[in-house]
Amino acid sequence: MSIELKVPGFPESVTDGTILSWNHKPGERVKRDEPLVDIETDKVVFEVPAPRDGVLEEILEPEGSVVVAGQPIGRIGDDDGEGAAPTGAQGDAGATKQSGAEPFATPSARRLIEEHGLDIHAIEGSGSGGRILKEDVLRAMEPPAAARGGEPPVASPEPAPAADEPLAASLPPGERPEKRVPMTRLRARIAERLLEAQHNAAILTTFNEINMQPVMELRARYRERFEQMHGVKLGFMSFFVKAVIEGLQRFPELNASIDGNDVVYHGFFDIGVAVSTPRGLVVPILRDADRLGMADIEARITELATRARDGRLDMDELTGGTFTITNGGVFGSLLSTPILNPPQSGILGMHKIQERPVAENGEVVIRPMMNVALSYDHRLVDGREAVQFLVTVKDVLEDPARLLLGV
């Protein structure tokens, strides 16, 4: 007896999704709760698991189809032993490995495995739950150091499959190739929200600079002990989150939002931390960040960033937020003007730490300096509050003991 595979319910703010990829082909066996199809919404990619053991009999909606909640997209039948074995990398891989569960691989990774005749069981997956990513396959394809004459491995640009690289460098000279691809739903949503921010808010930006030496010295002094005690590395972001919360408590307009003719003052601090992923920029939320310790903040950021890059964030982890922090410094940016994340009224931009001469007590000294930028909605926040907020962040980070003393 066969059953229909249906699209699960979407959150209230999402009306439909796009089938990103099927992880099995018709005729292949599937196991209960095994990820069967990936569906992309405006904010996240989520997996639809197989509701039972069986065989994928039919795909009703192919990749690229727009689907709604409750819509049938496939059909799963009973496993009578005659269904095709899971597609392996080698011709006899399914037969030789039938006794063990086949590792799960993303579509792009499985395509590489099949093209190059690799053994899927010999590849170690680095994705969530041991999921094999394209990067894992490429790593497995690298020759060992001995085969390269004993040279140590060096980083090299990641090659892409021919199907993903139509603008190949091997084209004859003089060719002027173009590539047209549809926007992903996430990229289209990012474009929509950025345009909304530009049209609906009066965005201004104020700048300052921070001497990062006190934070760097404190971090260097306690980093090893911190990691031993809490099992997580001590980064800079937890310092900035704490400093931002101090500023928001003093200047609540930056933690507020405009709703029609009303100003909504939030009595909680849900801090968004922008994360760059292969699919685009996402902003997972640190809920009630004022109640989190430094170790909790670092652990939560690490977890959210990892899951964001794997495309495995839940919808509620991307919804809401009262203020955002973005760090362009990880890419080398020295100065930029971050754009608001509506309906928030403020966003703090961090930048690269760079040593430069500064004047202290009448002398020129070299200090590790960071430029910071605060973009704010001038409809709600006046320049005085914006500047003083940024000065508060600067003062707290240049004297981290204030975080403990609350002064």
Protein backbone atom coordinates (compact mmCIF):
# COMPACT_ATOMS: atom_id res chain seq x y z
CA MET A 1 0.00 0.00 0.00
CA SER A 2 1.38 3.39 -0.96
CA ILE A 3 0.99 6.69 0.88
CA GLU A 4 1.36 10.30 -0.23
CA LEU A 5 4.29 12.43 0.86
CA LYS A 6 2.88 15.88 1.65
CA VAL A 7 4.44 19.27 2.30
CA PRO A 8 4.37 19.97 6.06
CA GLY A 9 2.74 23.08 7.45
CA PHE A 10 4.56 26.39 7.01
CA PRO A 11 4.88 29.08 9.70
CA GLU A 12 2.24 31.80 9.60
CA SER A 13 4.45 34.27 7.72
CA VAL A 14 5.32 31.80 4.93
CA THR A 15 2.78 30.91 2.24
CA ASP A 16 4.74 28.60 -0.06
CA GLY A 17 8.13 27.08 -0.79
CA THR A 18 10.25 25.80 -3.65
CA ILE A 19 11.46 22.21 -3.94
CA LEU A 20 15.22 22.63 -3.86
CA SER A 21 16.30 19.01 -4.28
CA TRP A 22 15.14 15.42 -4.05
CA ASN A 23 17.65 13.30 -2.17
CA HIS A 24 16.38 10.03 -3.68
CA LYS A 25 15.23 8.89 -7.10
CA PRO A 26 12.08 6.92 -7.90
CA GLY A 27 12.64 3.24 -7.16
CA GLU A 28 15.13 3.82 -4.34
CA ARG A 29 14.52 2.53 -0.85
CA VAL A 30 14.01 5.09 1.92
CA LYS A 31 14.02 4.75 5.67
CA ARG A 32 11.70 6.36 8.17
CA ASP A 33 12.81 9.90 9.20
CA GLU A 34 15.50 9.93 6.49
CA PRO A 35 15.68 13.38 4.78
CA LEU A 36 13.83 12.86 1.50
CA VAL A 37 13.38 16.29 -0.02
CA ASP A 38 14.68 19.82 0.73
CA ILE A 39 12.22 22.70 0.46
CA GLU A 40 13.40 26.31 0.35
CA THR A 41 11.30 29.12 1.81
CA ASP A 42 11.98 32.83 2.02
CA LYS A 43 14.12 32.31 5.11
CA VAL A 44 15.31 28.72 5.53
CA VAL A 45 15.75 25.39 3.82
CA PHE A 46 14.06 22.56 5.72
CA GLU A 47 14.06 18.82 5.21
CA VAL A 48 10.95 16.72 4.72
CA PRO A 49 11.62 13.28 6.25
CA ALA A 50 10.24 10.00 4.95
CA PRO A 51 7.12 9.13 7.01
CA ARG A 52 7.95 5.39 6.92
CA ASP A 53 10.26 2.76 5.48
CA GLY A 54 9.52 1.91 1.87
CA VAL A 55 10.32 2.73 -1.73
CA LEU A 56 9.96 6.14 -3.39
CA GLU A 57 7.48 5.14 -6.08
CA GLU A 58 6.86 8.48 -7.73
CA ILE A 59 7.89 12.14 -7.60
CA LEU A 60 4.80 14.28 -8.21
CA GLU A 61 6.53 17.68 -8.03
CA PRO A 62 10.05 17.97 -9.51
CA GLU A 63 12.85 20.23 -8.33
CA GLY A 64 11.99 23.90 -8.84
CA SER A 65 8.26 23.44 -8.27
CA VAL A 66 6.48 25.94 -6.02
CA VAL A 67 4.43 24.08 -3.41
CA VAL A 68 2.08 24.93 -0.55
CA ALA A 69 1.41 23.29 2.80
CA GLY A 70 -0.41 19.99 2.55
CA GLN A 71 0.27 19.53 -1.17
CA PRO A 72 1.21 15.96 -2.24
CA ILE A 73 4.69 15.93 -3.77
CA GLY A 74 5.52 12.24 -3.89
CA ARG A 75 4.35 8.71 -3.23
CA ILE A 76 5.98 6.06 -1.04
CA GLY A 77 5.13 2.38 -1.44
CA ASP A 78 5.85 -0.81 0.46
CA ASP A 79 9.35 -2.24 0.30
CA ASP A 80 8.77 -5.67 -1.24
CA GLY A 81 12.47 -6.30 -1.77
CA GLU A 82 12.31 -5.51 -5.46
CA GLY A 83 12.98 -1.79 -5.24
CA ALA A 84 16.24 -0.46 -6.52
CA ALA A 85 19.04 -0.29 -4.02
CA PRO A 86 20.29 3.17 -3.04
CA THR A 87 22.42 4.65 -5.76
CA GLY A 88 26.04 4.00 -4.87
CA ALA A 89 29.27 5.46 -6.16
CA GLN A 90 30.46 2.20 -7.71
CA GLY A 91 28.39 -0.35 -9.62
CA ASP A 92 28.45 -2.92 -6.83
CA ALA A 93 28.52 -0.52 -3.89
CA GLY A 94 24.84 -1.10 -3.04
CA ALA A 95 25.30 -4.89 -2.98
CA THR A 96 28.48 -4.87 -0.95
CA LYS A 97 27.19 -2.34 1.58
CA GLN A 98 23.59 -3.49 1.86
CA SER A 99 24.12 -4.72 5.38
CA GLY A 100 25.02 -1.21 6.62
CA ALA A 101 23.18 2.09 6.30
CA GLU A 102 24.35 4.22 3.40
CA PRO A 103 25.55 7.67 4.47
CA PHE A 104 23.37 10.59 3.43
CA ALA A 105 24.88 12.89 0.78
CA THR A 106 23.61 16.17 -0.64
CA PRO A 107 22.62 16.09 -4.32
CA SER A 108 25.77 17.95 -5.45
CA ALA A 109 27.95 15.59 -3.38
CA ARG A 110 26.18 12.49 -4.73
CA ARG A 111 26.63 13.75 -8.29
CA LEU A 112 30.39 14.08 -7.77
CA ILE A 113 30.55 10.63 -6.16
CA GLU A 114 28.81 9.06 -9.13
CA GLU A 115 30.83 10.98 -11.73
CA HIS A 116 34.16 9.94 -10.24
CA GLY A 117 33.25 6.41 -9.16
CA LEU A 118 33.97 6.95 -5.45
CA ASP A 119 32.93 4.73 -2.56
CA ILE A 120 30.39 6.71 -0.55
CA HIS A 121 31.19 4.65 2.56
CA ALA A 122 34.83 5.79 2.45
CA ILE A 123 33.93 9.49 2.63
CA GLU A 124 33.62 11.15 6.02
CA GLY A 125 30.79 13.69 6.17
CA SER A 126 31.24 17.01 7.97
CA GLY A 127 27.63 18.18 7.69
CA SER A 128 24.96 17.89 10.36
CA GLY A 129 24.36 14.28 11.38
CA GLY A 130 27.32 13.08 9.30
CA ARG A 131 25.80 14.50 6.11
CA ILE A 132 28.28 14.31 3.20
CA LEU A 133 28.79 17.72 1.59
CA LYS A 134 30.35 18.57 -1.75
CA GLU A 135 33.43 19.83 0.12
CA ASP A 136 33.86 16.40 1.74
CA VAL A 137 33.87 14.70 -1.68
CA LEU A 138 36.38 17.17 -3.08
CA ARG A 139 38.58 16.61 -0.04
CA ALA A 140 38.41 12.85 -0.58
CA MET A 141 39.42 13.31 -4.22
CA GLU A 142 42.67 15.11 -3.30
CA PRO A 143 45.75 12.89 -3.80
CA PRO A 144 47.77 12.09 -0.65
CA ALA A 145 50.94 14.02 0.06
CA ALA A 146 53.10 11.06 -0.99
CA ALA A 147 51.52 11.05 -4.44
CA ARG A 148 52.39 14.71 -4.79
CA GLY A 149 56.08 14.10 -4.09
CA GLY A 150 55.81 14.53 -0.34
CA GLU A 151 54.73 18.14 -0.54
CA PRO A 152 52.48 19.39 2.26
CA PRO A 153 48.88 19.96 1.25
CA VAL A 154 48.11 23.50 0.14
CA ALA A 155 44.80 25.28 -0.12
CA SER A 156 43.47 25.51 -3.63
CA PRO A 157 40.32 26.98 -5.14
CA GLU A 158 37.42 24.55 -4.97
CA PRO A 159 36.75 23.08 -8.40
CA ALA A 160 33.13 23.02 -9.47
CA PRO A 161 31.35 20.37 -11.50
CA ALA A 162 31.04 21.15 -15.18
CA ALA A 163 27.26 21.46 -14.86
CA ASP A 164 27.70 24.21 -12.27
CA GLU A 165 30.38 26.10 -14.24
CA PRO A 166 29.11 26.98 -17.74
CA LEU A 167 31.51 29.93 -17.97
CA ALA A 168 34.55 27.68 -18.23
CA ALA A 169 37.97 29.25 -18.57
CA SER A 170 38.68 26.92 -21.52
CA LEU A 171 36.47 28.94 -23.87
CA PRO A 172 38.21 30.28 -26.99
CA PRO A 173 39.73 33.77 -26.67
CA GLY A 174 37.32 36.54 -27.53
CA GLU A 175 34.24 34.72 -26.28
CA ARG A 176 31.87 36.84 -24.15
CA PRO A 177 29.85 34.27 -22.20
CA GLU A 178 26.90 35.15 -19.98
CA LYS A 179 25.06 33.14 -17.39
CA ARG A 180 21.46 33.74 -16.35
CA VAL A 181 20.16 31.98 -13.26
CA PRO A 182 17.00 32.63 -11.23
CA MET A 183 17.37 34.23 -7.81
CA THR A 184 17.03 31.87 -4.90
CA ARG A 185 14.07 32.60 -2.68
CA LEU A 186 16.42 33.72 0.09
CA ARG A 187 18.28 36.13 -2.21
CA ALA A 188 14.99 37.53 -3.50
CA ARG A 189 13.81 38.01 0.08
CA ILE A 190 17.05 39.75 1.04
CA ALA A 191 16.66 42.10 -1.93
CA GLU A 192 13.05 42.81 -0.99
CA ARG A 193 13.87 43.62 2.64
CA LEU A 194 16.86 45.81 1.80
CA LEU A 195 14.79 47.80 -0.66
CA GLU A 196 12.03 48.06 1.94
CA ALA A 197 14.52 49.46 4.45
CA GLN A 198 15.77 52.09 1.98
CA HIS A 199 12.24 53.16 1.04
CA ASN A 200 10.54 53.13 4.44
CA ALA A 201 13.21 54.31 6.90
CA ALA A 202 15.27 57.49 7.26
CA ILE A 203 18.65 55.78 7.57
CA LEU A 204 21.63 57.69 8.93
CA THR A 205 25.00 56.33 10.04
CA THR A 206 27.37 57.55 12.73
CA PHE A 207 30.94 56.30 13.19
CA ASN A 208 33.49 55.90 15.94
CA GLU A 209 36.66 53.92 16.65
CA ILE A 210 37.51 51.55 19.46
CA ASN A 211 40.89 50.73 20.98
CA MET A 212 40.62 46.94 21.14
CA GLN A 213 43.79 46.42 23.21
CA PRO A 214 41.99 46.04 26.60
CA VAL A 215 39.64 43.39 25.20
CA MET A 216 42.47 41.62 23.38
CA GLU A 217 44.62 41.55 26.53
CA LEU A 218 41.73 40.24 28.64
CA ARG A 219 40.91 37.65 26.00
CA ALA A 220 44.53 36.50 25.74
CA ARG A 221 44.83 36.23 29.53
CA TYR A 222 41.75 34.06 30.06
CA ARG A 223 41.14 32.44 26.68
CA GLU A 224 42.70 29.06 27.51
CA ARG A 225 41.05 28.78 30.92
CA PHE A 226 37.72 29.96 29.49
CA GLU A 227 37.82 27.23 26.83
CA GLN A 228 38.74 24.56 29.38
CA MET A 229 35.91 25.52 31.72
CA HIS A 230 33.16 26.14 29.16
CA GLY A 231 34.20 24.06 26.14
CA VAL A 232 33.87 27.01 23.78
CA LYS A 233 36.31 29.59 22.43
CA LEU A 234 36.25 33.16 23.73
CA GLY A 235 35.71 35.44 20.75
CA PHE A 236 35.06 39.14 20.33
CA MET A 237 31.34 38.86 19.58
CA SER A 238 30.32 38.14 23.18
CA PHE A 239 32.04 41.36 24.30
CA PHE A 240 30.17 43.32 21.63
CA VAL A 241 26.83 41.72 22.50
CA LYS A 242 27.29 42.69 26.16
CA ALA A 243 28.38 46.22 25.22
CA VAL A 244 25.41 46.63 22.87
CA ILE A 245 22.97 45.50 25.57
CA GLU A 246 24.45 48.11 27.91
CA GLY A 247 23.89 50.76 25.25
CA LEU A 248 20.33 49.60 24.53
CA GLN A 249 19.45 49.73 28.21
CA ARG A 250 20.57 53.35 28.34
CA PHE A 251 19.00 54.35 25.02
CA PRO A 252 15.83 52.25 24.58
CA GLU A 253 14.86 53.98 21.31
CA LEU A 254 17.48 51.84 19.56
CA ASN A 255 15.75 48.72 20.90
CA ALA A 256 12.34 49.93 19.74
CA SER A 257 10.47 49.79 16.43
CA ILE A 258 7.81 51.78 14.61
CA ASP A 259 4.43 50.17 13.98
CA GLY A 260 2.20 52.54 12.03
CA ASN A 261 1.85 55.64 14.21
CA ASP A 262 3.01 53.83 17.33
CA VAL A 263 6.45 53.28 18.81
CA VAL A 264 6.89 49.80 20.29
CA TYR A 265 9.44 49.72 23.11
CA HIS A 266 10.71 46.19 23.68
CA GLY A 267 11.40 45.14 27.26
CA PHE A 268 13.66 42.33 26.09
CA PHE A 269 16.89 42.11 24.11
CA ASP A 270 16.78 39.74 21.14
CA ILE A 271 20.07 40.41 19.34
CA GLY A 272 20.47 39.33 15.73
CA VAL A 273 23.95 38.30 14.60
CA ALA A 274 24.43 38.41 10.83
CA VAL A 275 25.96 35.23 9.35
CA SER A 276 27.20 34.86 5.78
CA THR A 277 26.22 31.56 4.16
CA PRO A 278 26.62 30.15 0.63
CA ARG A 279 22.95 30.97 0.02
CA GLY A 280 23.14 34.55 1.30
CA LEU A 281 23.10 36.57 4.51
CA VAL A 282 20.91 35.34 7.36
CA VAL A 283 20.43 36.81 10.83
CA PRO A 284 19.79 34.22 13.55
CA ILE A 285 18.54 35.63 16.84
CA LEU A 286 20.04 35.42 20.34
CA ARG A 287 16.85 35.40 22.42
CA ASP A 288 17.00 37.23 25.78
CA ALA A 289 20.68 37.94 25.26
CA ASP A 290 20.80 40.04 28.43
CA ARG A 291 20.23 36.86 30.46
CA LEU A 292 23.09 34.97 28.82
CA GLY A 293 26.62 34.76 30.15
CA MET A 294 29.66 35.22 27.93
CA ALA A 295 30.08 31.45 27.50
CA ASP A 296 26.39 31.02 26.68
CA ILE A 297 26.62 33.75 24.03
CA GLU A 298 29.70 32.23 22.41
CA ALA A 299 28.22 28.72 22.42
CA ARG A 300 24.91 29.90 21.01
CA ILE A 301 26.56 31.98 18.26
CA THR A 302 28.78 29.05 17.25
CA GLU A 303 25.79 26.72 17.11
CA LEU A 304 23.60 29.14 15.13
CA ALA A 305 26.39 29.99 12.66
CA THR A 306 27.14 26.32 11.99
CA ARG A 307 23.50 25.47 11.42
CA ALA A 308 23.04 28.58 9.28
CA ARG A 309 25.84 27.53 6.95
CA ASP A 310 24.32 24.04 6.76
CA GLY A 311 20.94 25.60 5.97
CA ARG A 312 19.36 23.96 9.01
CA LEU A 313 18.02 26.88 11.03
CA ASP A 314 14.44 26.78 12.26
CA MET A 315 12.08 29.54 11.21
CA ASP A 316 11.66 30.90 14.74
CA GLU A 317 15.43 31.31 15.03
CA LEU A 318 15.31 33.85 12.20
CA THR A 319 12.14 35.66 13.21
CA GLY A 320 11.99 38.80 15.31
CA GLY A 321 15.03 40.48 16.79
CA THR A 322 15.23 43.96 18.28
CA PHE A 323 18.77 44.95 17.21
CA THR A 324 21.41 43.51 14.86
CA ILE A 325 25.20 43.20 14.88
CA THR A 326 27.11 42.53 11.67
CA ASN A 327 30.85 41.94 11.32
CA GLY A 328 32.31 42.91 7.96
CA GLY A 329 35.77 42.79 9.51
CA VAL A 330 35.99 39.02 8.99
CA PHE A 331 36.15 39.78 5.25
CA GLY A 332 38.68 42.61 5.65
CA SER A 333 36.32 45.60 5.64
CA LEU A 334 37.75 48.69 7.31
CA LEU A 335 34.63 50.86 7.10
CA SER A 336 31.10 50.42 5.81
CA THR A 337 27.55 51.63 6.40
CA PRO A 338 25.33 48.71 7.47
CA ILE A 339 21.69 48.77 6.38
CA LEU A 340 18.79 48.37 8.79
CA ASN A 341 16.99 45.07 9.26
CA PRO A 342 13.30 46.19 9.31
CA PRO A 343 11.48 46.89 11.54
CA GLN A 344 14.50 47.35 13.79
CA SER A 345 15.78 50.85 14.45
CA GLY A 346 19.50 50.14 14.75
CA ILE A 347 22.33 47.96 13.47
CA LEU A 348 25.97 47.96 14.59
CA GLY A 349 28.71 47.26 12.06
CA MET A 350 32.04 45.86 13.26
CA HIS A 351 35.15 46.07 11.09
CA LYS A 352 38.70 44.80 10.81
CA ILE A 353 41.08 45.35 13.71
CA GLN A 354 44.13 47.16 12.39
CA GLU A 355 47.15 48.59 14.17
CA ARG A 356 47.59 52.31 13.61
CA PRO A 357 49.10 55.32 15.39
CA VAL A 358 46.89 57.13 17.89
CA ALA A 359 47.52 59.92 20.38
CA GLU A 360 47.47 58.99 24.08
CA ASN A 361 48.48 61.42 26.84
CA GLY A 362 50.33 63.62 24.36
CA GLU A 363 52.26 60.73 22.81
CA VAL A 364 51.83 58.79 19.57
CA VAL A 365 51.43 55.05 20.21
CA ILE A 366 50.44 52.06 18.11
CA ARG A 367 47.13 50.49 19.06
CA PRO A 368 44.84 47.81 17.54
CA MET A 369 41.91 49.95 16.41
CA MET A 370 38.50 49.01 15.05
CA ASN A 371 36.11 51.30 13.22
CA VAL A 372 32.48 50.83 14.21
CA ALA A 373 29.37 52.15 12.49
CA LEU A 374 25.84 52.54 13.79
CA SER A 375 23.06 52.90 11.23
CA TYR A 376 19.78 54.05 12.75
CA ASP A 377 16.26 55.09 11.80
CA HIS A 378 16.18 58.87 12.22
CA ARG A 379 12.38 58.79 12.39
CA LEU A 380 12.70 57.34 15.88
CA VAL A 381 16.30 57.88 16.98
CA ASP A 382 17.86 61.33 17.18
CA GLY A 383 21.51 61.92 16.45
CA ARG A 384 22.27 62.60 20.11
CA GLU A 385 21.01 59.18 21.24
CA ALA A 386 22.76 57.43 18.35
CA VAL A 387 26.12 59.05 19.06
CA GLN A 388 25.86 58.45 22.81
CA PHE A 389 24.89 54.83 22.23
CA LEU A 390 28.02 54.31 20.14
CA VAL A 391 30.14 56.10 22.74
CA THR A 392 28.71 53.77 25.39
CA VAL A 393 29.73 50.73 23.32
CA LYS A 394 33.20 52.25 22.88
CA ASP A 395 33.61 53.05 26.60
CA VAL A 396 32.54 49.58 27.71
CA LEU A 397 34.89 47.80 25.32
CA GLU A 398 37.84 50.06 26.14
CA ASP A 399 37.27 49.30 29.83
CA PRO A 400 35.76 45.79 30.00
CA ALA A 401 35.66 45.82 33.80
CA ARG A 402 32.59 48.03 33.47
CA LEU A 403 30.68 44.96 32.29
CA LEU A 404 31.16 43.42 35.74
CA LEU A 405 30.64 46.59 37.75
CA GLY A 406 27.63 47.84 35.78
CA VAL A 407 28.98 51.38 35.51
